[in-house]
């Protein structure tokens, strides 16, 4: 079996490139996973890239190609046009596509069940209650980080409506706005926080463990189409098995992840990677990442936002297919350390 490969498609050409590919790949063709990052991210979602480079997919019996696109719309366009068999996309995007009857999708695994968000703030913010009346940077009103943060603030005793939300954009932009003193607090990943060159003016108010405890939100997951379910079930099963196996190895032996990431991301110091590996000790999807209680919380939270107004309700059981995870767990057993399946 030949080794898999990575292919980057720019956002502007993604739809055209996808349309040029066959709508229905043959079982002997590489199994293409579409991902919305153009470099290996400093979060547990890196497991997909590393499962390829470290040979987990090959050992599971599937020849994988990674199709890297710049944005979620490009990933959806590629999947819709037959440019891949599986895509790692945001849960809210998948739900909207299904709710609007634009695509029939099946969620089969979540390699990175939750973005490791923290709430960071100026050093002058003494405690979480001091955010009342302060400016809080979000991607936009109604975005996932906006809705999740409102839940977290409410559970920590802060009236979410007492905070002034400022739409700024992507997490790295929010981080720079916080460092520049343009906002009082914001949400971004522990990976971004760890790699900031100078954190002397800010601090973490809520760490990633407490954030996820208060908002067990399944941020991204891997989806497949009806065609893939029909024509490539063995490959879906092999991908799920490989991702769970790699996740368990990284959880049990963090140095494997550190060494692989040091080779893939020479721009990040080994000390920073070691810090992140410790922070991610309980974040790996060692059982597939699709806990039904967390998925219900995710759905209920999203449907309170403006993006889901007038959309018919979609229950997890309507589109989540746990059979591939269950088949894997029957073989390898349930890892009780974290990520317990419902």
C-alpha atoms as a PDB file:
ATOM      1  CA  UNK A   1       0.000   0.000   0.000  1.00  0.00           C
ATOM      2  CA  UNK A   2       1.459   3.336  -0.939  1.00  0.00           C
ATOM      3  CA  UNK A   3       1.822   6.071   1.649  1.00  0.00           C
ATOM      4  CA  UNK A   4      -0.866   8.723   1.793  1.00  0.00           C
ATOM      5  CA  UNK A   5      -0.267  12.323   0.852  1.00  0.00           C
ATOM      6  CA  UNK A   6      -1.324  15.854   1.651  1.00  0.00           C
ATOM      7  CA  UNK A   7      -2.801  18.157  -0.962  1.00  0.00           C
ATOM      8  CA  UNK A   8      -3.500  21.843  -0.423  1.00  0.00           C
ATOM      9  CA  UNK A   9      -6.293  23.511  -2.388  1.00  0.00           C
ATOM     10  CA  UNK A  10      -6.608  27.269  -2.077  1.00  0.00           C
ATOM     11  CA  UNK A  11     -10.042  28.517  -1.084  1.00  0.00           C
ATOM     12  CA  UNK A  12     -10.546  30.269  -4.415  1.00  0.00           C
ATOM     13  CA  UNK A  13      -9.968  27.133  -6.470  1.00  0.00           C
ATOM     14  CA  UNK A  14     -11.468  24.543  -4.117  1.00  0.00           C
ATOM     15  CA  UNK A  15     -14.844  24.247  -5.799  1.00  0.00           C
ATOM     16  CA  UNK A  16     -13.359  24.028  -9.298  1.00  0.00           C
ATOM     17  CA  UNK A  17     -10.763  21.497  -8.242  1.00  0.00           C
ATOM     18  CA  UNK A  18     -13.364  19.408  -6.461  1.00  0.00           C
ATOM     19  CA  UNK A  19     -15.727  19.511  -9.400  1.00  0.00           C
ATOM     20  CA  UNK A  20     -13.005  18.135 -11.645  1.00  0.00           C
ATOM     21  CA  UNK A  21     -12.776  15.000  -9.490  1.00  0.00           C
ATOM     22  CA  UNK A  22     -15.113  12.008  -9.861  1.00  0.00           C
ATOM     23  CA  UNK A  23     -18.296  12.196  -7.820  1.00  0.00           C
ATOM     24  CA  UNK A  24     -17.973   8.602  -6.706  1.00  0.00           C
ATOM     25  CA  UNK A  25     -14.526   7.233  -6.009  1.00  0.00           C
ATOM     26  CA  UNK A  26     -13.796   3.551  -6.358  1.00  0.00           C
ATOM     27  CA  UNK A  27     -12.929   1.423  -3.329  1.00  0.00           C
ATOM     28  CA  UNK A  28      -9.356   1.059  -4.633  1.00  0.00           C
ATOM     29  CA  UNK A  29      -8.834   4.837  -4.755  1.00  0.00           C
ATOM     30  CA  UNK A  30      -7.296   6.725  -1.823  1.00  0.00           C
ATOM     31  CA  UNK A  31      -9.778   7.722   0.855  1.00  0.00           C
ATOM     32  CA  UNK A  32      -9.716  11.524   0.849  1.00  0.00           C
ATOM     33  CA  UNK A  33     -10.255  13.417   4.096  1.00  0.00           C
ATOM     34  CA  UNK A  34     -10.937  17.137   3.657  1.00  0.00           C
ATOM     35  CA  UNK A  35      -9.617  19.347   6.437  1.00  0.00           C
ATOM     36  CA  UNK A  36      -9.981  23.082   6.997  1.00  0.00           C
ATOM     37  CA  UNK A  37      -6.431  23.859   8.085  1.00  0.00           C
ATOM     38  CA  UNK A  38      -3.425  24.534   5.895  1.00  0.00           C
ATOM     39  CA  UNK A  39      -0.861  23.520   8.487  1.00  0.00           C
ATOM     40  CA  UNK A  40      -0.896  21.103  11.398  1.00  0.00           C
ATOM     41  CA  UNK A  41      -2.713  22.918  14.228  1.00  0.00           C
ATOM     42  CA  UNK A  42      -1.509  23.083  17.818  1.00  0.00           C
ATOM     43  CA  UNK A  43      -4.623  21.296  19.095  1.00  0.00           C
ATOM     44  CA  UNK A  44      -5.727  17.644  19.376  1.00  0.00           C
ATOM     45  CA  UNK A  45      -7.142  17.887  15.832  1.00  0.00           C
ATOM     46  CA  UNK A  46      -3.502  17.441  14.777  1.00  0.00           C
ATOM     47  CA  UNK A  47      -4.183  13.718  15.228  1.00  0.00           C
ATOM     48  CA  UNK A  48      -5.458  13.509  11.641  1.00  0.00           C
ATOM     49  CA  UNK A  49      -2.208  14.807  10.130  1.00  0.00           C
ATOM     50  CA  UNK A  50      -0.085  12.699  12.471  1.00  0.00           C
ATOM     51  CA  UNK A  51      -2.154   9.562  11.874  1.00  0.00           C
ATOM     52  CA  UNK A  52      -1.035   9.938   8.257  1.00  0.00           C
ATOM     53  CA  UNK A  53       2.626  10.810   8.825  1.00  0.00           C
ATOM     54  CA  UNK A  54       3.102   8.205  11.592  1.00  0.00           C
ATOM     55  CA  UNK A  55       1.433   5.421   9.613  1.00  0.00           C
ATOM     56  CA  UNK A  56      -1.718   4.829  11.677  1.00  0.00           C
ATOM     57  CA  UNK A  57      -3.998   4.897   8.641  1.00  0.00           C
ATOM     58  CA  UNK A  58      -1.751   2.519   6.745  1.00  0.00           C
ATOM     59  CA  UNK A  59      -1.646   0.065   9.635  1.00  0.00           C
ATOM     60  CA  UNK A  60      -5.447   0.207   9.877  1.00  0.00           C
ATOM     61  CA  UNK A  61      -5.625  -0.821   6.226  1.00  0.00           C
ATOM     62  CA  UNK A  62      -6.688   2.389   4.494  1.00  0.00           C
ATOM     63  CA  UNK A  63      -4.788   4.566   2.019  1.00  0.00           C
ATOM     64  CA  UNK A  64      -5.572   8.160   3.022  1.00  0.00           C
ATOM     65  CA  UNK A  65      -4.998  11.443   1.207  1.00  0.00           C
ATOM     66  CA  UNK A  66      -5.511  14.687   3.126  1.00  0.00           C
ATOM     67  CA  UNK A  67      -7.135  17.487   1.137  1.00  0.00           C
ATOM     68  CA  UNK A  68      -6.263  20.761   2.881  1.00  0.00           C
ATOM     69  CA  UNK A  69      -8.551  23.700   2.185  1.00  0.00           C
ATOM     70  CA  UNK A  70      -8.500  27.127   3.776  1.00  0.00           C
ATOM     71  CA  UNK A  71     -12.089  27.501   4.951  1.00  0.00           C
ATOM     72  CA  UNK A  72     -15.173  25.521   5.940  1.00  0.00           C
ATOM     73  CA  UNK A  73     -17.174  26.644   2.835  1.00  0.00           C
ATOM     74  CA  UNK A  74     -14.393  25.218   0.658  1.00  0.00           C
ATOM     75  CA  UNK A  75     -14.541  21.928   2.543  1.00  0.00           C
ATOM     76  CA  UNK A  76     -18.298  21.724   2.059  1.00  0.00           C
ATOM     77  CA  UNK A  77     -17.945  22.570  -1.641  1.00  0.00           C
ATOM     78  CA  UNK A  78     -15.314  19.867  -2.092  1.00  0.00           C
ATOM     79  CA  UNK A  79     -17.384  17.251  -0.264  1.00  0.00           C
ATOM     80  CA  UNK A  80     -20.529  18.174  -2.177  1.00  0.00           C
ATOM     81  CA  UNK A  81     -18.718  17.951  -5.533  1.00  0.00           C
ATOM     82  CA  UNK A  82     -17.085  14.596  -4.850  1.00  0.00           C
ATOM     83  CA  UNK A  83     -13.666  15.985  -3.981  1.00  0.00           C
ATOM     84  CA  UNK A  84     -13.408  13.838  -0.874  1.00  0.00           C
ATOM     85  CA  UNK A  85     -15.025  11.002   1.021  1.00  0.00           C
ATOM     86  CA  UNK A  86     -14.931  12.571   4.502  1.00  0.00           C
ATOM     87  CA  UNK A  87     -14.650  16.123   5.838  1.00  0.00           C
ATOM     88  CA  UNK A  88     -13.746  17.559   9.224  1.00  0.00           C
ATOM     89  CA  UNK A  89     -16.131  20.492   9.605  1.00  0.00           C
ATOM     90  CA  UNK A  90     -17.803  22.558  12.303  1.00  0.00           C
ATOM     91  CA  UNK A  91     -20.816  20.945  13.957  1.00  0.00           C
ATOM     92  CA  UNK A  92     -22.937  24.055  13.438  1.00  0.00           C
ATOM     93  CA  UNK A  93     -22.213  23.978   9.698  1.00  0.00           C
ATOM     94  CA  UNK A  94     -23.191  20.308   9.475  1.00  0.00           C
ATOM     95  CA  UNK A  95     -26.437  20.919  11.349  1.00  0.00           C
ATOM     96  CA  UNK A  96     -27.379  23.835   9.105  1.00  0.00           C
ATOM     97  CA  UNK A  97     -26.708  21.822   5.956  1.00  0.00           C
ATOM     98  CA  UNK A  98     -28.893  19.005   7.239  1.00  0.00           C
ATOM     99  CA  UNK A  99     -31.607  21.288   8.621  1.00  0.00           C
ATOM    100  CA  UNK A 100     -31.857  23.197   5.336  1.00  0.00           C
ATOM    101  CA  UNK A 101     -31.906  19.885   3.423  1.00  0.00           C
ATOM    102  CA  UNK A 102     -28.839  20.970   1.450  1.00  0.00           C
ATOM    103  CA  UNK A 103     -26.831  17.808   2.181  1.00  0.00           C
ATOM    104  CA  UNK A 104     -27.428  14.439   3.801  1.00  0.00           C
ATOM    105  CA  UNK A 105     -24.509  13.973   6.194  1.00  0.00           C
ATOM    106  CA  UNK A 106     -23.539  11.400   8.797  1.00  0.00           C
ATOM    107  CA  UNK A 107     -21.288  12.261  11.751  1.00  0.00           C
ATOM    108  CA  UNK A 108     -18.999   9.285  12.411  1.00  0.00           C
ATOM    109  CA  UNK A 109     -16.126  10.449  14.658  1.00  0.00           C
ATOM    110  CA  UNK A 110     -14.714  13.591  16.254  1.00  0.00           C
ATOM    111  CA  UNK A 111     -10.896  13.560  16.318  1.00  0.00           C
ATOM    112  CA  UNK A 112     -10.933  16.805  18.327  1.00  0.00           C
ATOM    113  CA  UNK A 113     -14.244  16.864  20.157  1.00  0.00           C
ATOM    114  CA  UNK A 114     -13.748  20.317  21.656  1.00  0.00           C
ATOM    115  CA  UNK A 115     -11.578  23.294  20.917  1.00  0.00           C
ATOM    116  CA  UNK A 116      -9.367  23.742  24.010  1.00  0.00           C
ATOM    117  CA  UNK A 117     -10.693  27.226  24.699  1.00  0.00           C
ATOM    118  CA  UNK A 118      -9.587  29.448  27.554  1.00  0.00           C
ATOM    119  CA  UNK A 119     -10.909  32.825  28.615  1.00  0.00           C
ATOM    120  CA  UNK A 120      -8.004  35.233  28.716  1.00  0.00           C
ATOM    121  CA  UNK A 121      -8.168  38.776  30.067  1.00  0.00           C
ATOM    122  CA  UNK A 122      -6.118  41.789  30.958  1.00  0.00           C
ATOM    123  CA  UNK A 123      -4.072  41.436  34.140  1.00  0.00           C
ATOM    124  CA  UNK A 124      -6.266  44.151  35.677  1.00  0.00           C
ATOM    125  CA  UNK A 125      -9.294  41.807  35.593  1.00  0.00           C
ATOM    126  CA  UNK A 126      -9.040  40.188  39.005  1.00  0.00           C
ATOM    127  CA  UNK A 127     -11.730  37.512  38.738  1.00  0.00           C
ATOM    128  CA  UNK A 128     -14.429  36.311  36.379  1.00  0.00           C
ATOM    129  CA  UNK A 129     -17.068  38.504  38.052  1.00  0.00           C
ATOM    130  CA  UNK A 130     -15.097  41.600  37.079  1.00  0.00           C
ATOM    131  CA  UNK A 131     -16.075  41.067  33.422  1.00  0.00           C
ATOM    132  CA  UNK A 132     -19.423  42.763  34.065  1.00  0.00           C
ATOM    133  CA  UNK A 133     -19.527  45.857  31.875  1.00  0.00           C
ATOM    134  CA  UNK A 134     -16.253  44.982  30.148  1.00  0.00           C
ATOM    135  CA  UNK A 135     -15.612  44.425  26.410  1.00  0.00           C
ATOM    136  CA  UNK A 136     -15.312  40.802  25.292  1.00  0.00           C
ATOM    137  CA  UNK A 137     -13.940  39.954  21.856  1.00  0.00           C
ATOM    138  CA  UNK A 138     -15.809  37.329  19.800  1.00  0.00           C
ATOM    139  CA  UNK A 139     -15.709  36.193  16.194  1.00  0.00           C
ATOM    140  CA  UNK A 140     -19.190  37.607  15.661  1.00  0.00           C
ATOM    141  CA  UNK A 141     -22.514  37.687  17.437  1.00  0.00           C
ATOM    142  CA  UNK A 142     -24.015  34.220  17.004  1.00  0.00           C
ATOM    143  CA  UNK A 143     -20.684  32.480  16.371  1.00  0.00           C
ATOM    144  CA  UNK A 144     -19.796  29.285  18.232  1.00  0.00           C
ATOM    145  CA  UNK A 145     -17.302  31.016  20.520  1.00  0.00           C
ATOM    146  CA  UNK A 146     -19.927  33.677  21.313  1.00  0.00           C
ATOM    147  CA  UNK A 147     -22.620  31.144  22.239  1.00  0.00           C
ATOM    148  CA  UNK A 148     -20.237  28.916  24.218  1.00  0.00           C
ATOM    149  CA  UNK A 149     -18.770  31.802  26.175  1.00  0.00           C
ATOM    150  CA  UNK A 150     -22.231  33.042  27.137  1.00  0.00           C
ATOM    151  CA  UNK A 151     -22.958  29.581  28.566  1.00  0.00           C
ATOM    152  CA  UNK A 152     -19.668  29.502  30.493  1.00  0.00           C
ATOM    153  CA  UNK A 153     -20.149  33.001  31.900  1.00  0.00           C
ATOM    154  CA  UNK A 154     -23.668  32.156  33.031  1.00  0.00           C
ATOM    155  CA  UNK A 155     -22.523  29.003  34.831  1.00  0.00           C
ATOM    156  CA  UNK A 156     -19.772  30.987  36.562  1.00  0.00           C
ATOM    157  CA  UNK A 157     -22.229  33.532  37.906  1.00  0.00           C
ATOM    158  CA  UNK A 158     -21.777  36.316  35.351  1.00  0.00           C
ATOM    159  CA  UNK A 159     -24.874  37.626  33.576  1.00  0.00           C
ATOM    160  CA  UNK A 160     -23.953  37.088  29.889  1.00  0.00           C
ATOM    161  CA  UNK A 161     -25.973  40.167  28.914  1.00  0.00           C
ATOM    162  CA  UNK A 162     -23.886  42.369  31.221  1.00  0.00           C
ATOM    163  CA  UNK A 163     -20.832  41.954  28.973  1.00  0.00           C
ATOM    164  CA  UNK A 164     -20.218  44.138  25.910  1.00  0.00           C
ATOM    165  CA  UNK A 165     -19.428  41.824  22.969  1.00  0.00           C
ATOM    166  CA  UNK A 166     -17.226  43.154  20.191  1.00  0.00           C
ATOM    167  CA  UNK A 167     -17.050  41.279  16.865  1.00  0.00           C
ATOM    168  CA  UNK A 168     -13.372  41.029  15.928  1.00  0.00           C
ATOM    169  CA  UNK A 169     -12.848  37.872  13.898  1.00  0.00           C
ATOM    170  CA  UNK A 170     -10.527  34.887  14.092  1.00  0.00           C
ATOM    171  CA  UNK A 171      -8.854  33.749  17.351  1.00  0.00           C
ATOM    172  CA  UNK A 172      -5.394  35.046  16.423  1.00  0.00           C
ATOM    173  CA  UNK A 173      -6.891  38.489  15.719  1.00  0.00           C
ATOM    174  CA  UNK A 174      -8.731  38.408  19.046  1.00  0.00           C
ATOM    175  CA  UNK A 175      -5.489  37.523  20.811  1.00  0.00           C
ATOM    176  CA  UNK A 176      -3.676  40.473  19.247  1.00  0.00           C
ATOM    177  CA  UNK A 177      -6.562  42.799  20.140  1.00  0.00           C
ATOM    178  CA  UNK A 178      -6.310  41.659  23.764  1.00  0.00           C
ATOM    179  CA  UNK A 179      -2.555  42.178  23.837  1.00  0.00           C
ATOM    180  CA  UNK A 180      -3.020  45.658  22.378  1.00  0.00           C
ATOM    181  CA  UNK A 181      -5.497  46.545  25.114  1.00  0.00           C
ATOM    182  CA  UNK A 182      -8.355  47.070  22.674  1.00  0.00           C
ATOM    183  CA  UNK A 183     -10.606  44.621  24.548  1.00  0.00           C
ATOM    184  CA  UNK A 184     -10.751  43.437  28.157  1.00  0.00           C
ATOM    185  CA  UNK A 185     -11.122  39.698  27.532  1.00  0.00           C
ATOM    186  CA  UNK A 186     -11.673  37.094  24.839  1.00  0.00           C
ATOM    187  CA  UNK A 187     -11.717  33.383  24.087  1.00  0.00           C
ATOM    188  CA  UNK A 188      -9.095  31.466  22.109  1.00  0.00           C
ATOM    189  CA  UNK A 189      -7.281  28.134  22.325  1.00  0.00           C
ATOM    190  CA  UNK A 190      -4.630  27.223  24.868  1.00  0.00           C
ATOM    191  CA  UNK A 191      -2.363  26.654  21.857  1.00  0.00           C
ATOM    192  CA  UNK A 192      -2.592  30.298  20.848  1.00  0.00           C
ATOM    193  CA  UNK A 193      -2.060  31.408  24.447  1.00  0.00           C
ATOM    194  CA  UNK A 194       0.991  29.193  24.945  1.00  0.00           C
ATOM    195  CA  UNK A 195       2.737  30.411  21.798  1.00  0.00           C
ATOM    196  CA  UNK A 196       2.191  34.143  22.352  1.00  0.00           C
ATOM    197  CA  UNK A 197       5.675  35.663  22.599  1.00  0.00           C
ATOM    198  CA  UNK A 198       4.775  38.038  25.433  1.00  0.00           C
ATOM    199  CA  UNK A 199       1.943  37.239  27.852  1.00  0.00           C
ATOM    200  CA  UNK A 200       3.016  39.647  30.589  1.00  0.00           C
ATOM    201  CA  UNK A 201      -0.048  41.885  30.186  1.00  0.00           C
ATOM    202  CA  UNK A 202      -2.702  39.126  30.161  1.00  0.00           C
ATOM    203  CA  UNK A 203      -3.700  36.047  32.124  1.00  0.00           C
ATOM    204  CA  UNK A 204      -6.027  33.038  31.940  1.00  0.00           C
ATOM    205  CA  UNK A 205      -9.293  33.557  33.813  1.00  0.00           C
ATOM    206  CA  UNK A 206     -10.840  30.195  32.858  1.00  0.00           C
ATOM    207  CA  UNK A 207      -8.634  27.290  31.771  1.00  0.00           C
ATOM    208  CA  UNK A 208      -9.571  24.816  29.052  1.00  0.00           C
ATOM    209  CA  UNK A 209     -10.660  22.053  31.471  1.00  0.00           C
ATOM    210  CA  UNK A 210     -13.123  24.304  33.292  1.00  0.00           C
ATOM    211  CA  UNK A 211     -14.317  25.856  30.043  1.00  0.00           C
ATOM    212  CA  UNK A 212     -15.204  22.458  28.567  1.00  0.00           C
ATOM    213  CA  UNK A 213     -16.745  21.284  31.855  1.00  0.00           C
ATOM    214  CA  UNK A 214     -19.139  24.212  31.773  1.00  0.00           C
ATOM    215  CA  UNK A 215     -19.702  24.016  28.011  1.00  0.00           C
ATOM    216  CA  UNK A 216     -19.253  20.414  26.774  1.00  0.00           C
ATOM    217  CA  UNK A 217     -19.589  21.518  23.179  1.00  0.00           C
ATOM    218  CA  UNK A 218     -18.615  19.228  20.279  1.00  0.00           C
ATOM    219  CA  UNK A 219     -17.055  21.862  18.053  1.00  0.00           C
ATOM    220  CA  UNK A 220     -15.971  19.813  15.026  1.00  0.00           C
ATOM    221  CA  UNK A 221     -16.537  16.321  13.733  1.00  0.00           C
ATOM    222  CA  UNK A 222     -15.914  14.164  10.698  1.00  0.00           C
ATOM    223  CA  UNK A 223     -18.860  13.719   8.357  1.00  0.00           C
ATOM    224  CA  UNK A 224     -19.472  11.480   5.356  1.00  0.00           C
ATOM    225  CA  UNK A 225     -22.115  11.474   2.640  1.00  0.00           C
ATOM    226  CA  UNK A 226     -24.620   8.779   1.732  1.00  0.00           C
ATOM    227  CA  UNK A 227     -22.374   7.743  -1.190  1.00  0.00           C
ATOM    228  CA  UNK A 228     -19.415   7.189   1.116  1.00  0.00           C
ATOM    229  CA  UNK A 229     -21.500   5.170   3.562  1.00  0.00           C
ATOM    230  CA  UNK A 230     -22.700   2.999   0.696  1.00  0.00           C
ATOM    231  CA  UNK A 231     -19.436   2.579  -1.206  1.00  0.00           C
ATOM    232  CA  UNK A 232     -16.616   2.908   1.365  1.00  0.00           C
ATOM    233  CA  UNK A 233     -17.854   1.487   4.718  1.00  0.00           C
ATOM    234  CA  UNK A 234     -14.664  -0.500   5.362  1.00  0.00           C
ATOM    235  CA  UNK A 235     -12.540   2.577   4.770  1.00  0.00           C
ATOM    236  CA  UNK A 236     -14.691   4.666   7.133  1.00  0.00           C
ATOM    237  CA  UNK A 237     -14.225   1.966   9.754  1.00  0.00           C
ATOM    238  CA  UNK A 238     -10.456   1.902   9.220  1.00  0.00           C
ATOM    239  CA  UNK A 239     -10.189   5.699   9.503  1.00  0.00           C
ATOM    240  CA  UNK A 240     -12.169   5.713  12.761  1.00  0.00           C
ATOM    241  CA  UNK A 241     -10.013   2.932  14.173  1.00  0.00           C
ATOM    242  CA  UNK A 242      -6.792   4.722  13.199  1.00  0.00           C
ATOM    243  CA  UNK A 243      -7.894   8.013  14.765  1.00  0.00           C
ATOM    244  CA  UNK A 244      -8.895   6.334  18.026  1.00  0.00           C
ATOM    245  CA  UNK A 245      -5.648   4.330  18.142  1.00  0.00           C
ATOM    246  CA  UNK A 246      -3.504   7.415  17.539  1.00  0.00           C
ATOM    247  CA  UNK A 247      -5.476   9.440  20.098  1.00  0.00           C
ATOM    248  CA  UNK A 248      -4.924   6.746  22.725  1.00  0.00           C
ATOM    249  CA  UNK A 249      -1.196   6.617  22.015  1.00  0.00           C
ATOM    250  CA  UNK A 250      -0.870  10.409  22.313  1.00  0.00           C
ATOM    251  CA  UNK A 251      -2.857  10.393  25.569  1.00  0.00           C
ATOM    252  CA  UNK A 252      -0.837   7.578  27.117  1.00  0.00           C
ATOM    253  CA  UNK A 253       2.537   8.673  25.746  1.00  0.00           C
ATOM    254  CA  UNK A 254       2.533  12.481  25.233  1.00  0.00           C
ATOM    255  CA  UNK A 255       6.132  12.424  24.029  1.00  0.00           C
ATOM    256  CA  UNK A 256       5.002  10.710  20.818  1.00  0.00           C
ATOM    257  CA  UNK A 257       2.890  13.774  20.028  1.00  0.00           C
ATOM    258  CA  UNK A 258       5.636  16.179  21.088  1.00  0.00           C
ATOM    259  CA  UNK A 259       8.235  14.494  18.871  1.00  0.00           C
ATOM    260  CA  UNK A 260       5.936  14.313  15.862  1.00  0.00           C
ATOM    261  CA  UNK A 261       4.820  17.923  16.255  1.00  0.00           C
ATOM    262  CA  UNK A 262       8.401  19.129  16.719  1.00  0.00           C
ATOM    263  CA  UNK A 263       9.199  17.670  13.305  1.00  0.00           C
ATOM    264  CA  UNK A 264       6.029  19.053  11.702  1.00  0.00           C
ATOM    265  CA  UNK A 265       6.072  22.493  13.357  1.00  0.00           C
ATOM    266  CA  UNK A 266       9.699  23.646  13.771  1.00  0.00           C
ATOM    267  CA  UNK A 267       8.339  27.153  14.396  1.00  0.00           C
ATOM    268  CA  UNK A 268       7.117  26.006  17.835  1.00  0.00           C
ATOM    269  CA  UNK A 269       9.605  25.217  20.587  1.00  0.00           C
ATOM    270  CA  UNK A 270       9.749  21.767  22.163  1.00  0.00           C
ATOM    271  CA  UNK A 271       9.120  23.392  25.563  1.00  0.00           C
ATOM    272  CA  UNK A 272       5.872  24.906  24.272  1.00  0.00           C
ATOM    273  CA  UNK A 273       4.809  21.583  22.777  1.00  0.00           C
ATOM    274  CA  UNK A 274       5.522  19.829  26.074  1.00  0.00           C
ATOM    275  CA  UNK A 275       3.348  22.378  27.879  1.00  0.00           C
ATOM    276  CA  UNK A 276       0.538  21.799  25.387  1.00  0.00           C
ATOM    277  CA  UNK A 277       0.852  18.020  25.648  1.00  0.00           C
ATOM    278  CA  UNK A 278       0.304  18.286  29.411  1.00  0.00           C
ATOM    279  CA  UNK A 279      -2.675  20.597  28.868  1.00  0.00           C
ATOM    280  CA  UNK A 280      -4.237  18.088  26.444  1.00  0.00           C
ATOM    281  CA  UNK A 281      -3.911  15.097  28.779  1.00  0.00           C
ATOM    282  CA  UNK A 282      -7.696  14.642  28.977  1.00  0.00           C
ATOM    283  CA  UNK A 283      -8.598  16.170  25.604  1.00  0.00           C
ATOM    284  CA  UNK A 284      -7.874  13.304  23.210  1.00  0.00           C
ATOM    285  CA  UNK A 285     -10.807  11.485  21.620  1.00  0.00           C
ATOM    286  CA  UNK A 286      -9.768   8.107  22.984  1.00  0.00           C
ATOM    287  CA  UNK A 287     -13.286   6.747  22.466  1.00  0.00           C
ATOM    288  CA  UNK A 288     -14.197   8.582  19.270  1.00  0.00           C
ATOM    289  CA  UNK A 289     -15.329  11.893  20.724  1.00  0.00           C
ATOM    290  CA  UNK A 290     -19.085  11.575  20.086  1.00  0.00           C
ATOM    291  CA  UNK A 291     -20.747  11.557  23.488  1.00  0.00           C
ATOM    292  CA  UNK A 292     -24.495  11.825  22.941  1.00  0.00           C
ATOM    293  CA  UNK A 293     -25.063  13.988  26.028  1.00  0.00           C
ATOM    294  CA  UNK A 294     -22.435  16.448  24.771  1.00  0.00           C
ATOM    295  CA  UNK A 295     -23.986  16.370  21.309  1.00  0.00           C
ATOM    296  CA  UNK A 296     -27.412  17.183  22.772  1.00  0.00           C
ATOM    297  CA  UNK A 297     -25.903  20.096  24.708  1.00  0.00           C
ATOM    298  CA  UNK A 298     -24.214  21.268  21.509  1.00  0.00           C
ATOM    299  CA  UNK A 299     -27.450  21.096  19.532  1.00  0.00           C
ATOM    300  CA  UNK A 300     -29.501  22.848  22.221  1.00  0.00           C
ATOM    301  CA  UNK A 301     -26.900  25.627  22.515  1.00  0.00           C
ATOM    302  CA  UNK A 302     -26.729  26.206  18.760  1.00  0.00           C
ATOM    303  CA  UNK A 303     -30.491  26.355  18.386  1.00  0.00           C
ATOM    304  CA  UNK A 304     -30.606  29.247  20.830  1.00  0.00           C
ATOM    305  CA  UNK A 305     -28.503  31.328  18.425  1.00  0.00           C
ATOM    306  CA  UNK A 306     -29.714  33.545  15.563  1.00  0.00           C
ATOM    307  CA  UNK A 307     -28.174  31.323  12.881  1.00  0.00           C
ATOM    308  CA  UNK A 308     -30.699  28.591  13.684  1.00  0.00           C
ATOM    309  CA  UNK A 309     -33.814  30.730  13.765  1.00  0.00           C
ATOM    310  CA  UNK A 310     -36.737  28.963  12.050  1.00  0.00           C
ATOM    311  CA  UNK A 311     -34.589  25.881  11.344  1.00  0.00           C
ATOM    312  CA  UNK A 312     -36.360  22.571  12.086  1.00  0.00           C
ATOM    313  CA  UNK A 313     -34.837  20.781  15.084  1.00  0.00           C
ATOM    314  CA  UNK A 314     -32.320  18.049  14.285  1.00  0.00           C
ATOM    315  CA  UNK A 315     -31.646  15.511  17.049  1.00  0.00           C
ATOM    316  CA  UNK A 316     -28.239  13.787  17.290  1.00  0.00           C
ATOM    317  CA  UNK A 317     -29.932  10.463  16.553  1.00  0.00           C
ATOM    318  CA  UNK A 318     -31.083  11.870  13.195  1.00  0.00           C
ATOM    319  CA  UNK A 319     -27.558  12.111  11.759  1.00  0.00           C
ATOM    320  CA  UNK A 320     -24.915  10.775  14.149  1.00  0.00           C
ATOM    321  CA  UNK A 321     -23.829   7.213  13.266  1.00  0.00           C
ATOM    322  CA  UNK A 322     -22.013   5.622  16.200  1.00  0.00           C
ATOM    323  CA  UNK A 323     -21.671   2.206  14.559  1.00  0.00           C
ATOM    324  CA  UNK A 324     -18.055   2.754  13.446  1.00  0.00           C
ATOM    325  CA  UNK A 325     -16.979   3.878  16.916  1.00  0.00           C
ATOM    326  CA  UNK A 326     -18.867   1.000  18.550  1.00  0.00           C
ATOM    327  CA  UNK A 327     -17.260  -1.541  16.220  1.00  0.00           C
ATOM    328  CA  UNK A 328     -13.827  -0.211  17.146  1.00  0.00           C
ATOM    329  CA  UNK A 329     -14.541  -0.178  20.886  1.00  0.00           C
ATOM    330  CA  UNK A 330     -15.759  -3.775  20.733  1.00  0.00           C
ATOM    331  CA  UNK A 331     -12.250  -4.664  19.598  1.00  0.00           C
ATOM    332  CA  UNK A 332     -10.044  -2.317  21.625  1.00  0.00           C
ATOM    333  CA  UNK A 333     -12.293  -1.746  24.651  1.00  0.00           C
ATOM    334  CA  UNK A 334     -13.419   1.509  26.251  1.00  0.00           C
ATOM    335  CA  UNK A 335     -10.727   3.816  27.607  1.00  0.00           C
ATOM    336  CA  UNK A 336     -12.082   4.992  30.972  1.00  0.00           C
ATOM    337  CA  UNK A 337      -9.516   7.784  31.392  1.00  0.00           C
ATOM    338  CA  UNK A 338     -11.468  10.380  29.402  1.00  0.00           C
ATOM    339  CA  UNK A 339     -13.978  10.957  26.584  1.00  0.00           C
ATOM    340  CA  UNK A 340     -16.483   8.423  27.927  1.00  0.00           C
ATOM    341  CA  UNK A 341     -19.051   7.380  25.314  1.00  0.00           C
ATOM    342  CA  UNK A 342     -22.714   7.863  26.185  1.00  0.00           C
END
